[in-house]
Amino acid sequence: MVQDQTVKLESWQEDEAKQLAERLQNELEMLTAYQSRQRMNLETGFERERQHLQEKTSLRCAVLEQKMEEESDKFEKERQSQLGELRKRHT
């Protein structure tokens, strides 16, 4: 009788262990799926932010290039004006 109780207890423990293993496997699958979704969301957010920063950088570069061109034109006009004045003085 003691042996029967021991066998039943072991059988009960085996059943509980199987249930816990199944539960653990299910929770692991749920966690893996959650982590995958989180990783995809983060990657999407990072890509969106990267594109935004790239657009912002491109815009700033375009503005700086325009300013450089304007400054270059301004300096060239000043140079031409000064050269004209020097020519007038020498003639």
PDB file of N, CA and C in Angstrom:
ATOM      1  N   MET A   1       0.814  -1.181   0.000  1.00  0.00           N
ATOM      2  CA  MET A   1       0.000   0.000   0.000  1.00  0.00           C
ATOM      3  C   MET A   1       0.869   1.261   0.000  1.00  0.00           C
ATOM      4  N   VAL A   2       1.937   1.236   0.739  1.00  0.00           N
ATOM      5  CA  VAL A   2       2.848   2.374   0.751  1.00  0.00           C
ATOM      6  C   VAL A   2       3.470   2.528  -0.631  1.00  0.00           C
ATOM      7  N   GLN A   3       3.775   1.397  -1.253  1.00  0.00           N
ATOM      8  CA  GLN A   3       4.348   1.452  -2.594  1.00  0.00           C
ATOM      9  C   GLN A   3       3.338   2.028  -3.581  1.00  0.00           C
ATOM     10  N   ASP A   4       2.062   1.676  -3.452  1.00  0.00           N
ATOM     11  CA  ASP A   4       1.031   2.211  -4.338  1.00  0.00           C
ATOM     12  C   ASP A   4       0.929   3.727  -4.202  1.00  0.00           C
ATOM     13  N   GLN A   5       0.975   4.220  -2.971  1.00  0.00           N
ATOM     14  CA  GLN A   5       0.901   5.659  -2.748  1.00  0.00           C
ATOM     15  C   GLN A   5       2.120   6.361  -3.349  1.00  0.00           C
ATOM     16  N   THR A   6       3.269   5.711  -3.228  1.00  0.00           N
ATOM     17  CA  THR A   6       4.486   6.280  -3.782  1.00  0.00           C
ATOM     18  C   THR A   6       4.396   6.328  -5.302  1.00  0.00           C
ATOM     19  N   VAL A   7       3.884   5.261  -5.907  1.00  0.00           N
ATOM     20  CA  VAL A   7       3.745   5.218  -7.356  1.00  0.00           C
ATOM     21  C   VAL A   7       2.740   6.271  -7.806  1.00  0.00           C
ATOM     22  N   LYS A   8       1.623   6.396  -7.104  1.00  0.00           N
ATOM     23  CA  LYS A   8       0.625   7.397  -7.467  1.00  0.00           C
ATOM     24  C   LYS A   8       1.192   8.802  -7.302  1.00  0.00           C
ATOM     25  N   LEU A   9       1.943   9.001  -6.245  1.00  0.00           N
ATOM     26  CA  LEU A   9       2.539  10.305  -6.027  1.00  0.00           C
ATOM     27  C   LEU A   9       3.529  10.614  -7.142  1.00  0.00           C
ATOM     28  N   GLU A  10       4.308   9.640  -7.513  1.00  0.00           N
ATOM     29  CA  GLU A  10       5.261   9.849  -8.591  1.00  0.00           C
ATOM     30  C   GLU A  10       4.532  10.089  -9.909  1.00  0.00           C
ATOM     31  N   SER A  11       3.450   9.366 -10.118  1.00  0.00           N
ATOM     32  CA  SER A  11       2.654   9.567 -11.324  1.00  0.00           C
ATOM     33  C   SER A  11       2.046  10.973 -11.310  1.00  0.00           C
ATOM     34  N   TRP A  12       1.560  11.394 -10.176  1.00  0.00           N
ATOM     35  CA  TRP A  12       0.997  12.732 -10.017  1.00  0.00           C
ATOM     36  C   TRP A  12       2.074  13.794 -10.262  1.00  0.00           C
ATOM     37  N   GLN A  13       3.269  13.517  -9.733  1.00  0.00           N
ATOM     38  CA  GLN A  13       4.375  14.449  -9.935  1.00  0.00           C
ATOM     39  C   GLN A  13       4.765  14.512 -11.411  1.00  0.00           C
ATOM     40  N   GLU A  14       4.743  13.368 -12.069  1.00  0.00           N
ATOM     41  CA  GLU A  14       5.054  13.338 -13.499  1.00  0.00           C
ATOM     42  C   GLU A  14       4.023  14.136 -14.291  1.00  0.00           C
ATOM     43  N   ASP A  15       2.749  13.959 -13.946  1.00  0.00           N
ATOM     44  CA  ASP A  15       1.697  14.722 -14.624  1.00  0.00           C
ATOM     45  C   ASP A  15       1.882  16.225 -14.395  1.00  0.00           C
ATOM     46  N   GLU A  16       2.180  16.577 -13.151  1.00  0.00           N
ATOM     47  CA  GLU A  16       2.392  17.989 -12.843  1.00  0.00           C
ATOM     48  C   GLU A  16       3.620  18.521 -13.579  1.00  0.00           C
ATOM     49  N   ALA A  17       4.661  17.725 -13.647  1.00  0.00           N
ATOM     50  CA  ALA A  17       5.873  18.139 -14.354  1.00  0.00           C
ATOM     51  C   ALA A  17       5.581  18.337 -15.836  1.00  0.00           C
ATOM     52  N   LYS A  18       4.779  17.445 -16.417  1.00  0.00           N
ATOM     53  CA  LYS A  18       4.405  17.590 -17.827  1.00  0.00           C
ATOM     54  C   LYS A  18       3.600  18.868 -18.039  1.00  0.00           C
ATOM     55  N   GLN A  19       2.648  19.112 -17.143  1.00  0.00           N
ATOM     56  CA  GLN A  19       1.834  20.322 -17.258  1.00  0.00           C
ATOM     57  C   GLN A  19       2.693  21.581 -17.120  1.00  0.00           C
ATOM     58  N   LEU A  20       3.607  21.540 -16.163  1.00  0.00           N
ATOM     59  CA  LEU A  20       4.488  22.694 -15.980  1.00  0.00           C
ATOM     60  C   LEU A  20       5.405  22.886 -17.180  1.00  0.00           C
ATOM     61  N   ALA A  21       5.889  21.790 -17.753  1.00  0.00           N
ATOM     62  CA  ALA A  21       6.751  21.886 -18.933  1.00  0.00           C
ATOM     63  C   ALA A  21       5.975  22.467 -20.114  1.00  0.00           C
ATOM     64  N   GLU A  22       4.727  22.024 -20.285  1.00  0.00           N
ATOM     65  CA  GLU A  22       3.891  22.560 -21.364  1.00  0.00           C
ATOM     66  C   GLU A  22       3.610  24.047 -21.138  1.00  0.00           C
ATOM     67  N   ARG A  23       3.306  24.380 -19.889  1.00  0.00           N
ATOM     68  CA  ARG A  23       3.039  25.784 -19.560  1.00  0.00           C
ATOM     69  C   ARG A  23       4.283  26.640 -19.806  1.00  0.00           C
ATOM     70  N   LEU A  24       5.417  26.109 -19.387  1.00  0.00           N
ATOM     71  CA  LEU A  24       6.671  26.823 -19.597  1.00  0.00           C
ATOM     72  C   LEU A  24       6.955  26.997 -21.084  1.00  0.00           C
ATOM     73  N   GLN A  25       6.709  25.952 -21.867  1.00  0.00           N
ATOM     74  CA  GLN A  25       6.927  26.032 -23.311  1.00  0.00           C
ATOM     75  C   GLN A  25       5.996  27.077 -23.936  1.00  0.00           C
ATOM     76  N   ASN A  26       4.734  27.080 -23.519  1.00  0.00           N
ATOM     77  CA  ASN A  26       3.779  28.075 -24.028  1.00  0.00           C
ATOM     78  C   ASN A  26       4.212  29.492 -23.664  1.00  0.00           C
ATOM     79  N   GLU A  27       4.632  29.676 -22.420  1.00  0.00           N
ATOM     80  CA  GLU A  27       5.073  31.001 -21.994  1.00  0.00           C
ATOM     81  C   GLU A  27       6.332  31.424 -22.739  1.00  0.00           C
ATOM     82  N   LEU A  28       7.221  30.471 -22.999  1.00  0.00           N
ATOM     83  CA  LEU A  28       8.433  30.771 -23.760  1.00  0.00           C
ATOM     84  C   LEU A  28       8.081  31.192 -25.186  1.00  0.00           C
ATOM     85  N   GLU A  29       7.134  30.506 -25.797  1.00  0.00           N
ATOM     86  CA  GLU A  29       6.697  30.867 -27.152  1.00  0.00           C
ATOM     87  C   GLU A  29       6.053  32.251 -27.163  1.00  0.00           C
ATOM     88  N   MET A  30       5.243  32.530 -26.131  1.00  0.00           N
ATOM     89  CA  MET A  30       4.617  33.848 -26.036  1.00  0.00           C
ATOM     90  C   MET A  30       5.674  34.938 -25.849  1.00  0.00           C
ATOM     91  N   LEU A  31       6.661  34.658 -25.014  1.00  0.00           N
ATOM     92  CA  LEU A  31       7.734  35.621 -24.780  1.00  0.00           C
ATOM     93  C   LEU A  31       8.544  35.853 -26.050  1.00  0.00           C
ATOM     94  N   THR A  32       8.843  34.787 -26.762  1.00  0.00           N
ATOM     95  CA  THR A  32       9.596  34.907 -28.009  1.00  0.00           C
ATOM     96  C   THR A  32       8.812  35.736 -29.025  1.00  0.00           C
ATOM     97  N   ALA A  33       7.513  35.481 -29.125  1.00  0.00           N
ATOM     98  CA  ALA A  33       6.677  36.249 -30.052  1.00  0.00           C
ATOM     99  C   ALA A  33       6.632  37.721 -29.638  1.00  0.00           C
ATOM    100  N   TYR A  34       6.497  37.973 -28.351  1.00  0.00           N
ATOM    101  CA  TYR A  34       6.476  39.349 -27.846  1.00  0.00           C
ATOM    102  C   TYR A  34       7.792  40.058 -28.153  1.00  0.00           C
ATOM    103  N   GLN A  35       8.901  39.361 -27.905  1.00  0.00           N
ATOM    104  CA  GLN A  35      10.212  39.957 -28.176  1.00  0.00           C
ATOM    105  C   GLN A  35      10.382  40.243 -29.661  1.00  0.00           C
ATOM    106  N   SER A  36       9.884  39.363 -30.497  1.00  0.00           N
ATOM    107  CA  SER A  36       9.970  39.588 -31.944  1.00  0.00           C
ATOM    108  C   SER A  36       9.178  40.825 -32.347  1.00  0.00           C
ATOM    109  N   ARG A  37       7.971  40.958 -31.802  1.00  0.00           N
ATOM    110  CA  ARG A  37       7.159  42.143 -32.104  1.00  0.00           C
ATOM    111  C   ARG A  37       7.845  43.416 -31.609  1.00  0.00           C
ATOM    112  N   GLN A  38       8.391  43.354 -30.412  1.00  0.00           N
ATOM    113  CA  GLN A  38       9.080  44.517 -29.858  1.00  0.00           C
ATOM    114  C   GLN A  38      10.288  44.892 -30.714  1.00  0.00           C
ATOM    115  N   ARG A  39      11.058  43.886 -31.136  1.00  0.00           N
ATOM    116  CA  ARG A  39      12.235  44.142 -31.963  1.00  0.00           C
ATOM    117  C   ARG A  39      11.821  44.772 -33.287  1.00  0.00           C
ATOM    118  N   MET A  40      10.749  44.249 -33.893  1.00  0.00           N
ATOM    119  CA  MET A  40      10.273  44.812 -35.160  1.00  0.00           C
ATOM    120  C   MET A  40       9.813  46.254 -34.963  1.00  0.00           C
ATOM    121  N   ASN A  41       9.097  46.514 -33.871  1.00  0.00           N
ATOM    122  CA  ASN A  41       8.641  47.878 -33.592  1.00  0.00           C
ATOM    123  C   ASN A  41       9.818  48.823 -33.383  1.00  0.00           C
ATOM    124  N   LEU A  42      10.826  48.362 -32.647  1.00  0.00           N
ATOM    125  CA  LEU A  42      12.012  49.189 -32.429  1.00  0.00           C
ATOM    126  C   LEU A  42      12.746  49.452 -33.732  1.00  0.00           C
ATOM    127  N   GLU A  43      12.915  48.415 -34.539  1.00  0.00           N
ATOM    128  CA  GLU A  43      13.603  48.584 -35.816  1.00  0.00           C
ATOM    129  C   GLU A  43      12.840  49.547 -36.723  1.00  0.00           C
ATOM    130  N   THR A  44      11.521  49.442 -36.718  1.00  0.00           N
ATOM    131  CA  THR A  44      10.702  50.354 -37.512  1.00  0.00           C
ATOM    132  C   THR A  44      10.875  51.788 -37.016  1.00  0.00           C
ATOM    133  N   GLY A  45      10.855  51.951 -35.699  1.00  0.00           N
ATOM    134  CA  GLY A  45      11.049  53.282 -35.121  1.00  0.00           C
ATOM    135  C   GLY A  45      12.426  53.842 -35.431  1.00  0.00           C
ATOM    136  N   PHE A  46      13.447  52.985 -35.327  1.00  0.00           N
ATOM    137  CA  PHE A  46      14.806  53.431 -35.640  1.00  0.00           C
ATOM    138  C   PHE A  46      14.924  53.832 -37.100  1.00  0.00           C
ATOM    139  N   GLU A  47      14.311  53.066 -37.975  1.00  0.00           N
ATOM    140  CA  GLU A  47      14.371  53.374 -39.410  1.00  0.00           C
ATOM    141  C   GLU A  47      13.653  54.691 -39.698  1.00  0.00           C
ATOM    142  N   ARG A  48      12.513  54.879 -39.078  1.00  0.00           N
ATOM    143  CA  ARG A  48      11.755  56.126 -39.257  1.00  0.00           C
ATOM    144  C   ARG A  48      12.584  57.320 -38.764  1.00  0.00           C
ATOM    145  N   GLU A  49      13.202  57.159 -37.605  1.00  0.00           N
ATOM    146  CA  GLU A  49      14.029  58.236 -37.063  1.00  0.00           C
ATOM    147  C   GLU A  49      15.250  58.491 -37.949  1.00  0.00           C
ATOM    148  N   ARG A  50      15.859  57.419 -38.462  1.00  0.00           N
ATOM    149  CA  ARG A  50      17.016  57.569 -39.342  1.00  0.00           C
ATOM    150  C   ARG A  50      16.636  58.347 -40.597  1.00  0.00           C
ATOM    151  N   GLN A  51      15.483  58.011 -41.181  1.00  0.00           N
ATOM    152  CA  GLN A  51      15.022  58.718 -42.374  1.00  0.00           C
ATOM    153  C   GLN A  51      14.747  60.188 -42.068  1.00  0.00           C
ATOM    154  N   HIS A  52      14.129  60.430 -40.923  1.00  0.00           N
ATOM    155  CA  HIS A  52      13.841  61.811 -40.523  1.00  0.00           C
ATOM    156  C   HIS A  52      15.140  62.603 -40.381  1.00  0.00           C
ATOM    157  N   LEU A  53      16.120  62.009 -39.710  1.00  0.00           N
ATOM    158  CA  LEU A  53      17.396  62.700 -39.525  1.00  0.00           C
ATOM    159  C   LEU A  53      18.127  62.891 -40.849  1.00  0.00           C
ATOM    160  N   GLN A  54      18.004  61.919 -41.729  1.00  0.00           N
ATOM    161  CA  GLN A  54      18.642  62.046 -43.041  1.00  0.00           C
ATOM    162  C   GLN A  54      18.006  63.193 -43.834  1.00  0.00           C
ATOM    163  N   GLU A  55      16.685  63.289 -43.792  1.00  0.00           N
ATOM    164  CA  GLU A  55      15.996  64.389 -44.476  1.00  0.00           C
ATOM    165  C   GLU A  55      16.395  65.735 -43.873  1.00  0.00           C
ATOM    166  N   LYS A  56      16.456  65.772 -42.555  1.00  0.00           N
ATOM    167  CA  LYS A  56      16.831  67.003 -41.864  1.00  0.00           C
ATOM    168  C   LYS A  56      18.258  67.410 -42.237  1.00  0.00           C
ATOM    169  N   THR A  57      19.147  66.437 -42.286  1.00  0.00           N
ATOM    170  CA  THR A  57      20.539  66.704 -42.662  1.00  0.00           C
ATOM    171  C   THR A  57      20.634  67.181 -44.099  1.00  0.00           C
ATOM    172  N   SER A  58      19.890  66.540 -44.985  1.00  0.00           N
ATOM    173  CA  SER A  58      19.901  66.951 -46.391  1.00  0.00           C
ATOM    174  C   SER A  58      19.407  68.382 -46.542  1.00  0.00           C
ATOM    175  N   LEU A  59      18.360  68.715 -45.825  1.00  0.00           N
ATOM    176  CA  LEU A  59      17.822  70.074 -45.879  1.00  0.00           C
ATOM    177  C   LEU A  59      18.849  71.084 -45.372  1.00  0.00           C
ATOM    178  N   ARG A  60      19.497  70.762 -44.266  1.00  0.00           N
ATOM    179  CA  ARG A  60      20.512  71.669 -43.725  1.00  0.00           C
ATOM    180  C   ARG A  60      21.670  71.839 -44.705  1.00  0.00           C
ATOM    181  N   CYS A  61      22.080  70.741 -45.329  1.00  0.00           N
ATOM    182  CA  CYS A  61      23.159  70.823 -46.327  1.00  0.00           C
ATOM    183  C   CYS A  61      22.749  71.718 -47.488  1.00  0.00           C
ATOM    184  N   ALA A  62      21.517  71.566 -47.949  1.00  0.00           N
ATOM    185  CA  ALA A  62      21.041  72.393 -49.065  1.00  0.00           C
ATOM    186  C   ALA A  62      21.033  73.866 -48.679  1.00  0.00           C
ATOM    187  N   VAL A  63      20.590  74.169 -47.468  1.00  0.00           N
ATOM    188  CA  VAL A  63      20.568  75.557 -47.000  1.00  0.00           C
ATOM    189  C   VAL A  63      21.991  76.103 -46.912  1.00  0.00           C
ATOM    190  N   LEU A  64      22.903  75.302 -46.368  1.00  0.00           N
ATOM    191  CA  LEU A  64      24.295  75.751 -46.262  1.00  0.00           C
ATOM    192  C   LEU A  64      24.929  75.953 -47.635  1.00  0.00           C
ATOM    193  N   GLU A  65      24.648  75.055 -48.555  1.00  0.00           N
ATOM    194  CA  GLU A  65      25.180  75.206 -49.912  1.00  0.00           C
ATOM    195  C   GLU A  65      24.651  76.478 -50.565  1.00  0.00           C
ATOM    196  N   GLN A  66      23.374  76.761 -50.350  1.00  0.00           N
ATOM    197  CA  GLN A  66      22.787  77.984 -50.902  1.00  0.00           C
ATOM    198  C   GLN A  66      23.452  79.214 -50.286  1.00  0.00           C
ATOM    199  N   LYS A  67      23.653  79.195 -48.969  1.00  0.00           N
ATOM    200  CA  LYS A  67      24.309  80.324 -48.311  1.00  0.00           C
ATOM    201  C   LYS A  67      25.737  80.493 -48.819  1.00  0.00           C
ATOM    202  N   MET A  68      26.434  79.388 -49.000  1.00  0.00           N
ATOM    203  CA  MET A  68      27.803  79.464 -49.518  1.00  0.00           C
ATOM    204  C   MET A  68      27.819  80.061 -50.917  1.00  0.00           C
ATOM    205  N   GLU A  69      26.865  79.657 -51.733  1.00  0.00           N
ATOM    206  CA  GLU A  69      26.773  80.192 -53.094  1.00  0.00           C
ATOM    207  C   GLU A  69      26.482  81.687 -53.059  1.00  0.00           C
ATOM    208  N   GLU A  70      25.564  82.099 -52.193  1.00  0.00           N
ATOM    209  CA  GLU A  70      25.239  83.522 -52.065  1.00  0.00           C
ATOM    210  C   GLU A  70      26.449  84.317 -51.583  1.00  0.00           C
ATOM    211  N   GLU A  71      27.160  83.784 -50.600  1.00  0.00           N
ATOM    212  CA  GLU A  71      28.360  84.462 -50.096  1.00  0.00           C
ATOM    213  C   GLU A  71      29.431  84.547 -51.176  1.00  0.00           C
ATOM    214  N   SER A  72      29.584  83.470 -51.916  1.00  0.00           N
ATOM    215  CA  SER A  72      30.568  83.461 -52.997  1.00  0.00           C
ATOM    216  C   SER A  72      30.225  84.522 -54.044  1.00  0.00           C
ATOM    217  N   ASP A  73      28.945  84.604 -54.407  1.00  0.00           N
ATOM    218  CA  ASP A  73      28.499  85.631 -55.363  1.00  0.00           C
ATOM    219  C   ASP A  73      28.737  87.031 -54.809  1.00  0.00           C
ATOM    220  N   LYS A  74      28.432  87.211 -53.533  1.00  0.00           N
ATOM    221  CA  LYS A  74      28.614  88.515 -52.886  1.00  0.00           C
ATOM    222  C   LYS A  74      30.095  88.910 -52.907  1.00  0.00           C
ATOM    223  N   PHE A  75      30.967  87.978 -52.550  1.00  0.00           N
ATOM    224  CA  PHE A  75      32.401  88.279 -52.548  1.00  0.00           C
ATOM    225  C   PHE A  75      32.918  88.563 -53.958  1.00  0.00           C
ATOM    226  N   GLU A  76      32.391  87.835 -54.919  1.00  0.00           N
ATOM    227  CA  GLU A  76      32.812  88.066 -56.308  1.00  0.00           C
ATOM    228  C   GLU A  76      32.380  89.458 -56.764  1.00  0.00           C
ATOM    229  N   LYS A  77      31.173  89.879 -56.410  1.00  0.00           N
ATOM    230  CA  LYS A  77      30.706  91.227 -56.765  1.00  0.00           C
ATOM    231  C   LYS A  77      31.570  92.289 -56.092  1.00  0.00           C
ATOM    232  N   GLU A  78      31.886  92.074 -54.805  1.00  0.00           N
ATOM    233  CA  GLU A  78      32.748  93.022 -54.098  1.00  0.00           C
ATOM    234  C   GLU A  78      34.123  93.084 -54.751  1.00  0.00           C
ATOM    235  N   ARG A  79      34.637  91.946 -55.120  1.00  0.00           N
ATOM    236  CA  ARG A  79      35.944  91.877 -55.777  1.00  0.00           C
ATOM    237  C   ARG A  79      35.926  92.645 -57.099  1.00  0.00           C
ATOM    238  N   GLN A  80      34.872  92.393 -57.880  1.00  0.00           N
ATOM    239  CA  GLN A  80      34.753  93.090 -59.163  1.00  0.00           C
ATOM    240  C   GLN A  80      34.620  94.602 -58.952  1.00  0.00           C
ATOM    241  N   SER A  81      33.866  94.987 -57.932  1.00  0.00           N
ATOM    242  CA  SER A  81      33.685  96.406 -57.623  1.00  0.00           C
ATOM    243  C   SER A  81      35.019  97.041 -57.240  1.00  0.00           C
ATOM    244  N   GLN A  82      35.781  96.366 -56.401  1.00  0.00           N
ATOM    245  CA  GLN A  82      37.084  96.888 -55.986  1.00  0.00           C
ATOM    246  C   GLN A  82      38.052  96.954 -57.166  1.00  0.00           C
ATOM    247  N   LEU A  83      38.013  95.944 -58.027  1.00  0.00           N
ATOM    248  CA  LEU A  83      38.865  95.968 -59.220  1.00  0.00           C
ATOM    249  C   LEU A  83      38.482  97.138 -60.125  1.00  0.00           C
ATOM    250  N   GLY A  84      37.202  97.384 -60.265  1.00  0.00           N
ATOM    251  CA  GLY A  84      36.728  98.514 -61.072  1.00  0.00           C
ATOM    252  C   GLY A  84      37.216  99.837 -60.507  1.00  0.00           C
ATOM    253  N   GLU A  85      37.145  99.988 -59.188  1.00  0.00           N
ATOM    254  CA  GLU A  85      37.624 101.212 -58.549  1.00  0.00           C
ATOM    255  C   GLU A  85      39.128 101.384 -58.754  1.00  0.00           C
ATOM    256  N   LEU A  86      39.869 100.297 -58.629  1.00  0.00           N
ATOM    257  CA  LEU A  86      41.322 100.366 -58.845  1.00  0.00           C
ATOM    258  C   LEU A  86      41.649 100.761 -60.283  1.00  0.00           C
ATOM    259  N   ARG A  87      40.897 100.264 -61.228  1.00  0.00           N
ATOM    260  CA  ARG A  87      41.121 100.607 -62.638  1.00  0.00           C
ATOM    261  C   ARG A  87      40.846 102.085 -62.888  1.00  0.00           C
ATOM    262  N   LYS A  88      39.777 102.589 -62.248  1.00  0.00           N
ATOM    263  CA  LYS A  88      39.442 104.007 -62.407  1.00  0.00           C
ATOM    264  C   LYS A  88      40.558 104.885 -61.856  1.00  0.00           C
ATOM    265  N   ARG A  89      41.127 104.479 -60.736  1.00  0.00           N
ATOM    266  CA  ARG A  89      42.188 105.269 -60.115  1.00  0.00           C
ATOM    267  C   ARG A  89      43.442 105.299 -60.985  1.00  0.00           C
ATOM    268  N   HIS A  90      43.730 104.197 -61.645  1.00  0.00           N
ATOM    269  CA  HIS A  90      44.945 104.105 -62.448  1.00  0.00           C
ATOM    270  C   HIS A  90      44.782 104.722 -63.830  1.00  0.00           C
ATOM    271  N   THR A  91      43.601 104.995 -64.236  1.00  0.00           N
ATOM    272  CA  THR A  91      43.425 105.575 -65.574  1.00  0.00           C
ATOM    273  C   THR A  91      43.326 107.058 -65.563  1.00  0.00           C
TER     274      THR A  91
END
